[in-house]
Amino acid sequence: MKFQLGQTATTERTFTAANLAEYASLTGAVLRDAHAIPGPLLGGMFSYLLGTTLPGRGTNYLKQHLEFPRAARVDEKLTATVEIVRLRPDKDLVNLRTVCTNPR
């Protein structure tokens, strides 16, 4: 696949209270806010896109930095987007910007 600057991939997801309960059960996490989506679940939306769509199968992370300026909430439709912001063909690398938004 030939990559281009500005190329994007997007997915949508709505997490439920049952998803949070399952996450807490599997990880042993203690959820301080029963209505806020934990960061690892949000990060998983990006992992899904990276491994299936852009760049796609066989993708490896070299580094990742996540910031959460506001909480994502249960039963709220979230949209995760990855965008190619830099191509590094000499090393077969791409730099990506990731953004997760809600309807607000």
Protein backbone atom coordinates (compact mmCIF):
# COMPACT_ATOMS: atom_id res chain seq x y z
CA MET A 1 0.00 0.00 0.00
CA LYS A 2 1.29 3.45 -0.86
CA PHE A 3 0.89 5.91 1.98
CA GLN A 4 0.21 9.64 1.62
CA LEU A 5 0.42 12.61 3.98
CA GLY A 6 -3.02 13.37 5.36
CA GLN A 7 -4.32 9.83 4.79
CA THR A 8 -6.75 8.86 7.57
CA ALA A 9 -8.65 5.92 9.02
CA THR A 10 -11.57 6.17 11.42
CA THR A 11 -13.62 3.90 13.66
CA GLU A 12 -16.55 4.51 15.99
CA ARG A 13 -17.43 2.81 19.24
CA THR A 14 -19.82 3.23 22.14
CA PHE A 15 -18.64 1.71 25.42
CA THR A 16 -21.31 0.49 27.84
CA ALA A 17 -21.34 0.00 31.60
CA ALA A 18 -21.03 -3.74 30.88
CA ASN A 19 -17.83 -3.09 28.89
CA LEU A 20 -16.35 -1.22 31.86
CA ALA A 21 -17.36 -3.99 34.28
CA GLU A 22 -15.73 -6.59 32.01
CA TYR A 23 -12.57 -4.45 31.71
CA ALA A 24 -12.37 -4.11 35.51
CA SER A 25 -12.91 -7.85 35.96
CA LEU A 26 -10.23 -8.80 33.42
CA THR A 27 -7.60 -6.31 34.59
CA GLY A 28 -8.33 -6.01 38.29
CA ALA A 29 -8.60 -2.26 37.83
CA VAL A 30 -10.56 -0.27 40.37
CA LEU A 31 -12.65 2.24 38.44
CA ARG A 32 -12.87 5.55 40.30
CA ASP A 33 -15.62 6.86 38.02
CA ALA A 34 -18.15 4.28 36.81
CA HIS A 35 -19.08 6.53 33.88
CA ALA A 36 -15.60 7.44 32.53
CA ILE A 37 -13.90 5.24 29.93
CA PRO A 38 -10.41 4.13 31.07
CA GLY A 39 -7.48 5.29 28.93
CA PRO A 40 -6.42 1.78 27.88
CA LEU A 41 -9.83 1.19 26.27
CA LEU A 42 -9.52 4.43 24.32
CA GLY A 43 -5.96 3.51 23.31
CA GLY A 44 -7.32 0.18 22.11
CA MET A 45 -9.39 2.00 19.50
CA PHE A 46 -6.15 3.31 17.99
CA SER A 47 -4.48 -0.10 18.23
CA TYR A 48 -7.42 -1.55 16.31
CA LEU A 49 -7.02 1.01 13.52
CA LEU A 50 -3.24 0.64 13.35
CA GLY A 51 -3.39 -3.13 13.13
CA THR A 52 -6.28 -3.44 10.69
CA THR A 53 -6.45 -0.32 8.55
CA LEU A 54 -3.69 2.29 8.67
CA PRO A 55 -0.89 1.38 8.34
CA GLY A 56 -2.37 -2.13 8.69
CA ARG A 57 -1.34 -5.69 9.35
CA GLY A 58 2.12 -6.11 10.85
CA THR A 59 2.24 -2.61 12.33
CA ASN A 60 4.55 -2.12 15.31
CA TYR A 61 4.59 0.86 17.66
CA LEU A 62 7.94 2.52 18.30
CA LYS A 63 6.49 4.94 20.83
CA GLN A 64 3.15 6.31 21.92
CA HIS A 65 2.01 9.31 23.93
CA LEU A 66 -1.61 9.70 25.04
CA GLU A 67 -3.24 12.72 26.66
CA PHE A 68 -6.83 12.84 27.87
CA PRO A 69 -7.96 16.48 28.23
CA ARG A 70 -11.54 15.40 29.03
CA ALA A 71 -13.19 12.17 30.09
CA ALA A 72 -14.99 10.02 27.56
CA ARG A 73 -18.29 8.81 28.98
CA VAL A 74 -20.28 5.56 28.99
CA ASP A 75 -22.96 5.30 26.26
CA GLU A 76 -21.38 8.14 24.26
CA LYS A 77 -20.43 7.51 20.62
CA LEU A 78 -16.67 8.00 20.25
CA THR A 79 -14.80 8.47 17.00
CA ALA A 80 -11.11 7.53 16.83
CA THR A 81 -9.02 8.78 13.91
CA VAL A 82 -5.42 8.20 12.89
CA GLU A 83 -3.76 10.49 10.34
CA ILE A 84 -0.39 10.21 8.61
CA VAL A 85 1.53 13.40 9.43
CA ARG A 86 5.02 12.36 8.32
CA LEU A 87 6.41 9.79 5.91
CA ARG A 88 9.88 8.36 6.53
CA PRO A 89 10.48 6.05 3.54
CA ASP A 90 14.20 5.73 4.31
CA LYS A 91 13.24 3.77 7.46
CA ASP A 92 9.85 2.40 6.35
CA LEU A 93 8.18 4.47 9.09
CA VAL A 94 5.17 6.75 9.32
CA ASN A 95 4.33 9.23 12.05
CA LEU A 96 0.66 9.38 13.02
CA ARG A 97 -1.58 11.83 14.85
CA THR A 98 -4.41 10.24 16.80
CA VAL A 99 -7.58 11.94 17.96
CA CYS A 100 -10.61 10.62 19.80
CA THR A 101 -13.73 12.78 19.82
CA ASN A 102 -17.31 12.67 21.04
CA PRO A 103 -20.38 14.45 19.61
CA ARG A 104 -19.78 17.40 21.94
